[in-house]
Amino acid sequence: MSFLTIQCFRTFAVWKHFSIYPYPLIGSHYLTANIGRATAIETDFQDVPFSTFISAANYYQSFLHTKNEALLKDLATLLYPKVKSRHLTTPLLLNAFYWFSSLKHYFARLFPHFLQPMSSSSEDLLGYAPPIGEVLRTAMNAQIRALTGGDITKEEAVLSMDTWRALTELDAKAKEVEDIKRQTK
């Protein structure tokens, strides 16, 4: 069994200690409101800077590819900004993982043109697949560039804008690209 599979079984046993339980409604998230004295950021990322979402998404995707638990600690630290490392137990790290996973699935339904599953294999014809860090960096830069229109002086404003506003714009731009592709066929 993998690390995540084993930890999933353990997680079910500790959910009774969390402030909410997972359920399959749209927008449901896995959340422990506080870890120690650290309070979570907004569960649905309303009024959370886009830079925080980009960082969280990068830690999440990197963890999926590497299974490096340090990346879950980085993710949890973003979701609970003032958390002390001694409070980051395995169940709480998995809580952060499932919270962000649920959020990503929710956003995929809200922003279907922009948030689409990553290709399971990005190998070229010679069998080369770029490292996940390179893939994520390229995607992040493309997102920022799409929002700045290539104007580097707007980057700070884009990174500090609300996540929902940024995702709404990126989804609209992705839809425009889809429409253009469909028209040119």
N, C-alpha and C. Protein backbone atom coordinates (compact mmCIF):
# COMPACT_ATOMS: atom_id res chain seq x y z
N MET A 1 0.83 -1.19 0.00
CA MET A 1 0.00 0.00 0.00
C MET A 1 0.87 1.24 0.00
N SER A 2 0.37 2.29 -0.61
CA SER A 2 1.13 3.54 -0.67
C SER A 2 0.95 4.33 0.62
N PHE A 3 1.80 5.33 0.79
CA PHE A 3 1.71 6.23 1.94
C PHE A 3 0.31 6.81 2.04
N LEU A 4 -0.21 7.32 0.93
CA LEU A 4 -1.50 7.99 0.95
C LEU A 4 -2.63 7.02 1.27
N THR A 5 -2.60 5.82 0.74
CA THR A 5 -3.65 4.84 1.02
C THR A 5 -3.69 4.51 2.50
N ILE A 6 -2.55 4.25 3.08
CA ILE A 6 -2.49 3.93 4.50
C ILE A 6 -2.99 5.10 5.32
N GLN A 7 -2.55 6.30 4.96
CA GLN A 7 -2.96 7.47 5.72
C GLN A 7 -4.45 7.76 5.55
N CYS A 8 -5.04 7.43 4.42
CA CYS A 8 -6.48 7.63 4.22
C CYS A 8 -7.26 6.81 5.23
N PHE A 9 -6.85 5.56 5.45
CA PHE A 9 -7.54 4.73 6.42
C PHE A 9 -7.43 5.34 7.81
N ARG A 10 -6.27 5.84 8.14
CA ARG A 10 -6.09 6.46 9.45
C ARG A 10 -6.92 7.74 9.55
N THR A 11 -7.01 8.48 8.46
CA THR A 11 -7.74 9.74 8.46
C THR A 11 -9.20 9.54 8.80
N PHE A 12 -9.82 8.50 8.27
CA PHE A 12 -11.23 8.25 8.58
C PHE A 12 -11.42 8.06 10.08
N ALA A 13 -10.43 7.49 10.74
CA ALA A 13 -10.54 7.25 12.17
C ALA A 13 -10.43 8.54 12.99
N VAL A 14 -9.81 9.57 12.45
CA VAL A 14 -9.63 10.80 13.22
C VAL A 14 -10.58 11.92 12.80
N TRP A 15 -11.37 11.74 11.75
CA TRP A 15 -12.26 12.81 11.31
C TRP A 15 -13.23 13.27 12.39
N LYS A 16 -13.58 12.39 13.30
CA LYS A 16 -14.52 12.77 14.34
C LYS A 16 -13.98 13.91 15.19
N HIS A 17 -12.68 14.16 15.13
CA HIS A 17 -12.07 15.24 15.90
C HIS A 17 -12.07 16.56 15.16
N PHE A 18 -12.48 16.56 13.88
CA PHE A 18 -12.46 17.78 13.10
C PHE A 18 -13.77 18.53 13.25
N SER A 19 -13.75 19.80 12.91
CA SER A 19 -14.94 20.63 13.09
C SER A 19 -16.02 20.35 12.06
N ILE A 20 -15.70 19.81 10.89
CA ILE A 20 -16.71 19.39 9.93
C ILE A 20 -16.30 18.06 9.35
N TYR A 21 -17.25 17.35 8.81
CA TYR A 21 -17.00 16.06 8.18
C TYR A 21 -17.13 16.22 6.67
N PRO A 22 -16.46 15.38 5.90
CA PRO A 22 -16.59 15.47 4.45
C PRO A 22 -17.95 14.95 4.01
N TYR A 23 -18.52 15.60 3.05
CA TYR A 23 -19.74 15.12 2.43
C TYR A 23 -19.73 15.55 0.98
N PRO A 24 -20.46 14.86 0.11
CA PRO A 24 -20.27 15.04 -1.31
C PRO A 24 -21.01 16.21 -1.96
N LEU A 25 -21.43 17.22 -1.21
CA LEU A 25 -22.09 18.36 -1.83
C LEU A 25 -21.07 19.25 -2.52
N ILE A 26 -21.51 19.96 -3.53
CA ILE A 26 -20.61 20.89 -4.22
C ILE A 26 -20.12 21.92 -3.22
N GLY A 27 -18.83 22.12 -3.22
CA GLY A 27 -18.24 23.12 -2.35
C GLY A 27 -17.92 22.61 -0.96
N SER A 28 -18.19 21.37 -0.67
CA SER A 28 -17.83 20.87 0.65
C SER A 28 -16.31 20.77 0.71
N HIS A 29 -15.77 21.11 1.85
CA HIS A 29 -14.33 21.10 2.01
C HIS A 29 -13.98 20.38 3.30
N TYR A 30 -12.78 19.95 3.38
CA TYR A 30 -12.27 19.29 4.57
C TYR A 30 -11.55 20.37 5.36
N LEU A 31 -12.03 20.66 6.55
CA LEU A 31 -11.47 21.79 7.26
C LEU A 31 -11.42 21.55 8.75
N THR A 32 -10.30 21.84 9.32
CA THR A 32 -10.17 22.02 10.75
C THR A 32 -10.00 23.52 10.90
N ALA A 33 -10.93 24.17 11.57
CA ALA A 33 -10.93 25.63 11.65
C ALA A 33 -9.64 26.18 12.25
N ASN A 34 -9.10 25.49 13.24
CA ASN A 34 -7.87 25.95 13.89
C ASN A 34 -6.94 24.77 14.08
N ILE A 35 -5.66 25.06 13.99
CA ILE A 35 -4.63 24.11 14.38
C ILE A 35 -3.83 24.85 15.44
N GLY A 36 -3.91 24.37 16.66
CA GLY A 36 -3.33 25.14 17.77
C GLY A 36 -4.06 26.46 17.83
N ARG A 37 -3.34 27.55 17.74
CA ARG A 37 -3.96 28.88 17.73
C ARG A 37 -4.02 29.46 16.32
N ALA A 38 -3.55 28.72 15.36
CA ALA A 38 -3.54 29.19 13.97
C ALA A 38 -4.92 28.99 13.34
N THR A 39 -5.44 30.05 12.77
CA THR A 39 -6.75 30.00 12.12
C THR A 39 -6.55 29.80 10.63
N ALA A 40 -7.43 29.02 10.03
CA ALA A 40 -7.36 28.74 8.59
C ALA A 40 -7.73 29.98 7.79
N ILE A 41 -7.20 30.05 6.57
CA ILE A 41 -7.64 31.09 5.64
C ILE A 41 -9.06 30.75 5.20
N GLU A 42 -9.67 31.58 4.38
CA GLU A 42 -11.03 31.32 3.92
C GLU A 42 -11.09 29.97 3.21
N THR A 43 -12.02 29.15 3.63
CA THR A 43 -12.15 27.78 3.12
C THR A 43 -12.28 27.73 1.61
N ASP A 44 -13.07 28.64 1.04
CA ASP A 44 -13.30 28.62 -0.40
C ASP A 44 -12.38 29.58 -1.16
N PHE A 45 -11.39 30.12 -0.47
CA PHE A 45 -10.40 31.02 -1.04
C PHE A 45 -10.99 32.36 -1.50
N GLN A 46 -12.17 32.71 -1.00
CA GLN A 46 -12.71 34.05 -1.27
C GLN A 46 -11.81 35.04 -0.54
N ASP A 47 -11.44 36.10 -1.20
CA ASP A 47 -10.57 37.15 -0.64
C ASP A 47 -9.18 36.66 -0.26
N VAL A 48 -8.76 35.57 -0.86
CA VAL A 48 -7.40 35.06 -0.67
C VAL A 48 -6.60 35.45 -1.90
N PRO A 49 -5.40 36.00 -1.73
CA PRO A 49 -4.61 36.42 -2.89
C PRO A 49 -4.33 35.27 -3.86
N PHE A 50 -4.34 35.59 -5.14
CA PHE A 50 -4.08 34.61 -6.18
C PHE A 50 -2.71 33.95 -5.98
N SER A 51 -1.74 34.71 -5.47
CA SER A 51 -0.41 34.13 -5.23
C SER A 51 -0.48 32.98 -4.24
N THR A 52 -1.36 33.06 -3.25
CA THR A 52 -1.53 31.97 -2.29
C THR A 52 -2.11 30.74 -2.98
N PHE A 53 -3.09 30.96 -3.85
CA PHE A 53 -3.67 29.84 -4.58
C PHE A 53 -2.62 29.18 -5.48
N ILE A 54 -1.83 29.97 -6.19
CA ILE A 54 -0.80 29.42 -7.08
C ILE A 54 0.19 28.59 -6.26
N SER A 55 0.63 29.12 -5.14
CA SER A 55 1.59 28.39 -4.30
C SER A 55 0.98 27.10 -3.78
N ALA A 56 -0.26 27.18 -3.28
CA ALA A 56 -0.93 25.98 -2.77
C ALA A 56 -1.09 24.94 -3.87
N ALA A 57 -1.49 25.38 -5.05
CA ALA A 57 -1.67 24.45 -6.17
C ALA A 57 -0.34 23.78 -6.55
N ASN A 58 0.75 24.55 -6.50
CA ASN A 58 2.06 23.97 -6.81
C ASN A 58 2.48 22.95 -5.77
N TYR A 59 2.28 23.25 -4.48
CA TYR A 59 2.62 22.27 -3.43
C TYR A 59 1.76 21.02 -3.59
N TYR A 60 0.48 21.20 -3.86
CA TYR A 60 -0.45 20.09 -4.02
C TYR A 60 -0.03 19.19 -5.19
N GLN A 61 0.18 19.79 -6.36
CA GLN A 61 0.56 19.00 -7.54
C GLN A 61 1.92 18.34 -7.34
N SER A 62 2.84 19.05 -6.73
CA SER A 62 4.16 18.46 -6.47
C SER A 62 4.06 17.27 -5.54
N PHE A 63 3.22 17.39 -4.51
CA PHE A 63 3.03 16.25 -3.61
C PHE A 63 2.44 15.07 -4.36
N LEU A 64 1.47 15.31 -5.22
CA LEU A 64 0.86 14.21 -5.98
C LEU A 64 1.91 13.45 -6.81
N HIS A 65 2.91 14.16 -7.30
CA HIS A 65 3.93 13.53 -8.13
C HIS A 65 5.09 12.93 -7.35
N THR A 66 5.40 13.52 -6.19
CA THR A 66 6.60 13.07 -5.47
C THR A 66 6.30 12.31 -4.17
N LYS A 67 5.12 12.51 -3.61
CA LYS A 67 4.74 11.94 -2.30
C LYS A 67 5.67 12.43 -1.18
N ASN A 68 6.29 13.58 -1.37
CA ASN A 68 7.18 14.17 -0.38
C ASN A 68 6.34 14.89 0.67
N GLU A 69 6.37 14.38 1.90
CA GLU A 69 5.53 14.93 2.97
C GLU A 69 5.87 16.38 3.31
N ALA A 70 7.08 16.81 3.04
CA ALA A 70 7.46 18.20 3.30
C ALA A 70 6.58 19.16 2.49
N LEU A 71 6.14 18.72 1.33
CA LEU A 71 5.27 19.55 0.50
C LEU A 71 3.89 19.72 1.14
N LEU A 72 3.42 18.69 1.84
CA LEU A 72 2.16 18.81 2.59
C LEU A 72 2.32 19.81 3.74
N LYS A 73 3.49 19.82 4.36
CA LYS A 73 3.74 20.80 5.43
C LYS A 73 3.71 22.21 4.87
N ASP A 74 4.29 22.39 3.68
CA ASP A 74 4.26 23.71 3.04
C ASP A 74 2.83 24.11 2.69
N LEU A 75 2.05 23.15 2.19
CA LEU A 75 0.64 23.42 1.88
C LEU A 75 -0.13 23.81 3.14
N ALA A 76 0.04 23.04 4.21
CA ALA A 76 -0.65 23.32 5.47
C ALA A 76 -0.26 24.69 6.02
N THR A 77 1.00 25.06 5.85
CA THR A 77 1.46 26.36 6.33
C THR A 77 0.80 27.50 5.55
N LEU A 78 0.50 27.27 4.28
CA LEU A 78 -0.23 28.28 3.51
C LEU A 78 -1.69 28.37 3.96
N LEU A 79 -2.29 27.22 4.23
CA LEU A 79 -3.70 27.19 4.61
C LEU A 79 -3.92 27.67 6.04
N TYR A 80 -2.92 27.49 6.88
CA TYR A 80 -2.95 27.95 8.28
C TYR A 80 -1.70 28.82 8.49
N PRO A 81 -1.73 30.08 8.11
CA PRO A 81 -0.52 30.90 8.05
C PRO A 81 0.30 31.00 9.34
N LYS A 82 -0.29 30.92 10.49
CA LYS A 82 0.48 31.08 11.74
C LYS A 82 0.70 29.77 12.48
N VAL A 83 0.53 28.64 11.78
CA VAL A 83 0.66 27.35 12.43
C VAL A 83 2.12 27.07 12.82
N LYS A 84 2.28 26.44 13.96
CA LYS A 84 3.61 26.03 14.40
C LYS A 84 3.85 24.61 13.91
N SER A 85 5.06 24.31 13.50
CA SER A 85 5.36 23.02 12.90
C SER A 85 5.05 21.85 13.84
N ARG A 86 5.13 22.05 15.13
CA ARG A 86 4.85 20.94 16.06
C ARG A 86 3.38 20.51 16.01
N HIS A 87 2.50 21.36 15.50
CA HIS A 87 1.07 21.03 15.39
C HIS A 87 0.74 20.28 14.10
N LEU A 88 1.68 20.18 13.19
CA LEU A 88 1.42 19.57 11.89
C LEU A 88 1.60 18.05 11.95
N THR A 89 0.64 17.39 12.53
CA THR A 89 0.64 15.94 12.62
C THR A 89 0.16 15.36 11.29
N THR A 90 0.38 14.08 11.09
CA THR A 90 -0.03 13.43 9.84
C THR A 90 -1.52 13.61 9.55
N PRO A 91 -2.42 13.40 10.52
CA PRO A 91 -3.84 13.61 10.21
C PRO A 91 -4.14 15.06 9.77
N LEU A 92 -3.47 16.02 10.38
CA LEU A 92 -3.72 17.41 9.99
C LEU A 92 -3.12 17.73 8.62
N LEU A 93 -2.01 17.09 8.29
CA LEU A 93 -1.44 17.27 6.95
C LEU A 93 -2.39 16.69 5.91
N LEU A 94 -2.94 15.54 6.20
CA LEU A 94 -3.89 14.93 5.27
C LEU A 94 -5.18 15.75 5.19
N ASN A 95 -5.56 16.33 6.30
CA ASN A 95 -6.71 17.23 6.31
C ASN A 95 -6.47 18.38 5.32
N ALA A 96 -5.29 18.97 5.37
CA ALA A 96 -4.96 20.07 4.46
C ALA A 96 -4.97 19.57 3.00
N PHE A 97 -4.44 18.38 2.79
CA PHE A 97 -4.42 17.80 1.45
C PHE A 97 -5.84 17.61 0.92
N TYR A 98 -6.72 17.00 1.73
CA TYR A 98 -8.09 16.76 1.28
C TYR A 98 -8.88 18.05 1.14
N TRP A 99 -8.61 19.01 1.99
CA TRP A 99 -9.27 20.31 1.86
C TRP A 99 -8.95 20.91 0.50
N PHE A 100 -7.65 20.96 0.16
CA PHE A 100 -7.27 21.58 -1.10
C PHE A 100 -7.74 20.74 -2.29
N SER A 101 -7.70 19.44 -2.15
CA SER A 101 -8.20 18.57 -3.21
C SER A 101 -9.68 18.83 -3.47
N SER A 102 -10.46 18.93 -2.42
CA SER A 102 -11.89 19.23 -2.55
C SER A 102 -12.09 20.59 -3.20
N LEU A 103 -11.29 21.55 -2.80
CA LEU A 103 -11.39 22.89 -3.37
C LEU A 103 -11.08 22.86 -4.87
N LYS A 104 -10.05 22.12 -5.25
CA LYS A 104 -9.70 22.02 -6.68
C LYS A 104 -10.82 21.39 -7.48
N HIS A 105 -11.46 20.36 -6.94
CA HIS A 105 -12.59 19.74 -7.63
C HIS A 105 -13.76 20.70 -7.75
N TYR A 106 -14.00 21.45 -6.71
CA TYR A 106 -15.07 22.47 -6.71
C TYR A 106 -14.77 23.52 -7.78
N PHE A 107 -13.55 24.02 -7.79
CA PHE A 107 -13.16 25.02 -8.79
C PHE A 107 -13.24 24.46 -10.20
N ALA A 108 -12.92 23.18 -10.37
CA ALA A 108 -13.00 22.57 -11.71
C ALA A 108 -14.43 22.61 -12.24
N ARG A 109 -15.40 22.50 -11.36
CA ARG A 109 -16.80 22.61 -11.79
C ARG A 109 -17.19 24.06 -12.06
N LEU A 110 -16.64 24.99 -11.29
CA LEU A 110 -16.97 26.40 -11.47
C LEU A 110 -16.24 27.04 -12.65
N PHE A 111 -15.03 26.59 -12.91
CA PHE A 111 -14.18 27.16 -13.96
C PHE A 111 -13.73 26.06 -14.92
N PRO A 112 -14.67 25.44 -15.62
CA PRO A 112 -14.36 24.23 -16.40
C PRO A 112 -13.47 24.45 -17.62
N HIS A 113 -13.44 25.66 -18.14
CA HIS A 113 -12.61 25.91 -19.32
C HIS A 113 -11.14 26.05 -18.94
N PHE A 114 -10.90 26.58 -17.76
CA PHE A 114 -9.53 26.81 -17.33
C PHE A 114 -8.96 25.63 -16.55
N LEU A 115 -9.69 25.14 -15.56
CA LEU A 115 -9.17 24.07 -14.71
C LEU A 115 -9.57 22.72 -15.28
N GLN A 116 -8.63 22.12 -15.97
CA GLN A 116 -8.85 20.82 -16.56
C GLN A 116 -7.75 19.89 -16.06
N PRO A 117 -8.03 18.59 -16.03
CA PRO A 117 -7.02 17.64 -15.52
C PRO A 117 -5.71 17.73 -16.30
N MET A 118 -4.62 17.57 -15.55
CA MET A 118 -3.31 17.51 -16.21
C MET A 118 -3.20 16.21 -16.97
N SER A 119 -2.48 16.25 -18.05
CA SER A 119 -2.23 15.05 -18.83
C SER A 119 -1.48 14.05 -17.96
N SER A 120 -1.88 12.79 -18.03
CA SER A 120 -1.21 11.78 -17.22
C SER A 120 0.20 11.52 -17.71
N SER A 121 0.46 11.82 -18.95
CA SER A 121 1.80 11.65 -19.49
C SER A 121 2.10 12.81 -20.41
N SER A 122 3.12 13.56 -20.06
CA SER A 122 3.50 14.68 -20.92
C SER A 122 4.81 14.37 -21.63
N GLU A 123 5.03 13.10 -21.92
CA GLU A 123 6.25 12.69 -22.60
C GLU A 123 6.20 13.11 -24.06
N ASP A 124 7.37 13.45 -24.58
CA ASP A 124 7.45 13.75 -26.01
C ASP A 124 7.71 12.44 -26.77
N LEU A 125 7.94 12.54 -28.05
CA LEU A 125 8.12 11.35 -28.88
C LEU A 125 9.35 10.52 -28.49
N LEU A 126 10.30 11.15 -27.85
CA LEU A 126 11.51 10.43 -27.43
C LEU A 126 11.40 9.87 -26.02
N GLY A 127 10.24 10.05 -25.39
CA GLY A 127 10.03 9.52 -24.05
C GLY A 127 10.49 10.45 -22.94
N TYR A 128 10.83 11.70 -23.28
CA TYR A 128 11.27 12.66 -22.27
C TYR A 128 10.05 13.34 -21.65
N ALA A 129 9.98 13.33 -20.34
CA ALA A 129 8.95 14.07 -19.62
C ALA A 129 9.66 15.08 -18.73
N PRO A 130 9.32 16.35 -18.86
CA PRO A 130 10.00 17.36 -18.03
C PRO A 130 9.68 17.14 -16.56
N PRO A 131 10.58 17.55 -15.67
CA PRO A 131 10.33 17.42 -14.23
C PRO A 131 9.07 18.21 -13.85
N ILE A 132 8.38 17.75 -12.82
CA ILE A 132 7.13 18.39 -12.42
C ILE A 132 7.33 19.86 -12.08
N GLY A 133 8.47 20.20 -11.50
CA GLY A 133 8.74 21.60 -11.17
C GLY A 133 8.74 22.48 -12.41
N GLU A 134 9.31 21.97 -13.47
CA GLU A 134 9.35 22.71 -14.75
C GLU A 134 7.95 22.86 -15.32
N VAL A 135 7.16 21.81 -15.25
CA VAL A 135 5.79 21.84 -15.77
C VAL A 135 4.96 22.86 -14.99
N LEU A 136 5.07 22.83 -13.66
CA LEU A 136 4.30 23.75 -12.82
C LEU A 136 4.74 25.20 -13.01
N ARG A 137 6.04 25.41 -13.13
CA ARG A 137 6.56 26.77 -13.35
C ARG A 137 6.06 27.33 -14.67
N THR A 138 6.07 26.51 -15.71
CA THR A 138 5.58 26.94 -17.02
C THR A 138 4.10 27.29 -16.96
N ALA A 139 3.32 26.45 -16.28
CA ALA A 139 1.88 26.71 -16.16
C ALA A 139 1.62 27.98 -15.36
N MET A 140 2.34 28.17 -14.26
CA MET A 140 2.17 29.35 -13.43
C MET A 140 2.52 30.61 -14.21
N ASN A 141 3.62 30.58 -14.93
CA ASN A 141 4.01 31.75 -15.72
C ASN A 141 2.99 32.06 -16.80
N ALA A 142 2.42 31.03 -17.41
CA ALA A 142 1.40 31.24 -18.44
C ALA A 142 0.15 31.88 -17.83
N GLN A 143 -0.23 31.44 -16.63
CA GLN A 143 -1.40 32.02 -15.96
C GLN A 143 -1.17 33.50 -15.66
N ILE A 144 -0.02 33.80 -15.09
CA ILE A 144 0.29 35.20 -14.74
C ILE A 144 0.36 36.04 -16.00
N ARG A 145 0.99 35.52 -17.04
CA ARG A 145 1.10 36.28 -18.30
C ARG A 145 -0.27 36.52 -18.92
N ALA A 146 -1.15 35.54 -18.85
CA ALA A 146 -2.50 35.72 -19.40
C ALA A 146 -3.23 36.84 -18.67
N LEU A 147 -3.01 36.96 -17.37
CA LEU A 147 -3.70 37.99 -16.60
C LEU A 147 -3.05 39.37 -16.72
N THR A 148 -1.74 39.39 -16.97
CA THR A 148 -1.07 40.69 -17.11
C THR A 148 -1.08 41.17 -18.55
N GLY A 149 -1.44 40.29 -19.48
CA GLY A 149 -1.39 40.65 -20.89
C GLY A 149 0.04 40.89 -21.34
N GLY A 150 0.99 40.30 -20.64
CA GLY A 150 2.40 40.47 -20.99
C GLY A 150 3.04 41.71 -20.40
N ASP A 151 2.28 42.49 -19.63
CA ASP A 151 2.79 43.72 -19.01
C ASP A 151 3.33 43.38 -17.62
N ILE A 152 4.65 43.31 -17.51
CA ILE A 152 5.30 42.91 -16.26
C ILE A 152 4.99 43.86 -15.11
N THR A 153 4.65 45.11 -15.40
CA THR A 153 4.34 46.06 -14.34
C THR A 153 3.02 45.73 -13.63
N LYS A 154 2.21 44.85 -14.22
CA LYS A 154 0.93 44.47 -13.61
C LYS A 154 1.03 43.19 -12.78
N GLU A 155 2.21 42.57 -12.75
CA GLU A 155 2.35 41.28 -12.07
C GLU A 155 2.00 41.35 -10.60
N GLU A 156 2.47 42.36 -9.90
CA GLU A 156 2.18 42.47 -8.47
C GLU A 156 0.68 42.59 -8.22
N ALA A 157 0.00 43.38 -9.04
CA ALA A 157 -1.45 43.53 -8.89
C ALA A 157 -2.17 42.21 -9.16
N VAL A 158 -1.71 41.46 -10.14
CA VAL A 158 -2.33 40.16 -10.46
C VAL A 158 -2.14 39.18 -9.31
N LEU A 159 -0.94 39.12 -8.77
CA LEU A 159 -0.67 38.17 -7.69
C LEU A 159 -1.42 38.51 -6.40
N SER A 160 -1.75 39.78 -6.21
CA SER A 160 -2.47 40.17 -5.00
C SER A 160 -3.99 40.19 -5.21
N MET A 161 -4.45 39.99 -6.44
CA MET A 161 -5.90 40.00 -6.68
C MET A 161 -6.57 38.78 -6.07
N ASP A 162 -7.87 38.87 -5.84
CA ASP A 162 -8.66 37.79 -5.28
C ASP A 162 -8.59 36.55 -6.18
N THR A 163 -8.43 35.40 -5.58
CA THR A 163 -8.34 34.14 -6.32
C THR A 163 -9.54 33.93 -7.24
N TRP A 164 -10.73 34.17 -6.74
CA TRP A 164 -11.93 33.95 -7.55
C TRP A 164 -11.95 34.87 -8.77
N ARG A 165 -11.52 36.12 -8.59
CA ARG A 165 -11.49 37.05 -9.71
C ARG A 165 -10.48 36.57 -10.75
N ALA A 166 -9.32 36.14 -10.30
CA ALA A 166 -8.29 35.65 -11.22
C ALA A 166 -8.77 34.41 -11.97
N LEU A 167 -9.38 33.47 -11.26
CA LEU A 167 -9.85 32.24 -11.91
C LEU A 167 -11.00 32.54 -12.88
N THR A 168 -11.84 33.50 -12.54
CA THR A 168 -12.93 33.89 -13.46
C THR A 168 -12.35 34.43 -14.76
N GLU A 169 -11.34 35.28 -14.66
CA GLU A 169 -10.71 35.84 -15.86
C GLU A 169 -9.99 34.76 -16.66
N LEU A 170 -9.26 33.89 -15.98
CA LEU A 170 -8.55 32.82 -16.68
C LEU A 170 -9.52 31.87 -17.37
N ASP A 171 -10.65 31.59 -16.71
CA ASP A 171 -11.66 30.72 -17.32
C ASP A 171 -12.25 31.37 -18.57
N ALA A 172 -12.52 32.68 -18.50
CA ALA A 172 -13.06 33.40 -19.66
C ALA A 172 -12.06 33.40 -20.81
N LYS A 173 -10.78 33.60 -20.49
CA LYS A 173 -9.75 33.58 -21.54
C LYS A 173 -9.63 32.19 -22.16
N ALA A 174 -9.69 31.15 -21.33
CA ALA A 174 -9.62 29.78 -21.85
C ALA A 174 -10.82 29.48 -22.74
N LYS A 175 -11.99 29.97 -22.38
CA LYS A 175 -13.18 29.77 -23.21
C LYS A 175 -13.03 30.48 -24.55
N GLU A 176 -12.47 31.69 -24.53
CA GLU A 176 -12.23 32.43 -25.78
C GLU A 176 -11.30 31.64 -26.69
N VAL A 177 -10.26 31.06 -26.13
CA VAL A 177 -9.31 30.27 -26.92
C VAL A 177 -10.01 29.05 -27.51
N GLU A 178 -10.84 28.38 -26.69
CA GLU A 178 -11.60 27.22 -27.18
C GLU A 178 -12.52 27.62 -28.34
N ASP A 179 -13.18 28.77 -28.20
CA ASP A 179 -14.09 29.25 -29.25
C ASP A 179 -13.34 29.55 -30.54
N ILE A 180 -12.17 30.16 -30.41
CA ILE A 180 -11.36 30.48 -31.60
C ILE A 180 -10.91 29.19 -32.28
N LYS A 181 -10.44 28.22 -31.49
CA LYS A 181 -10.02 26.94 -32.05
C LYS A 181 -11.18 26.26 -32.78
N ARG A 182 -12.36 26.31 -32.19
CA ARG A 182 -13.53 25.69 -32.81
C ARG A 182 -13.90 26.38 -34.11
N GLN A 183 -13.77 27.69 -34.17
CA GLN A 183 -14.09 28.46 -35.38
C GLN A 183 -13.09 28.25 -36.50
N THR A 184 -11.84 27.98 -36.15
CA THR A 184 -10.80 27.82 -37.16
C THR A 184 -10.71 26.40 -37.72
N LYS A 185 -11.51 25.48 -37.21
CA LYS A 185 -11.48 24.10 -37.71
C LYS A 185 -12.22 23.98 -38.99
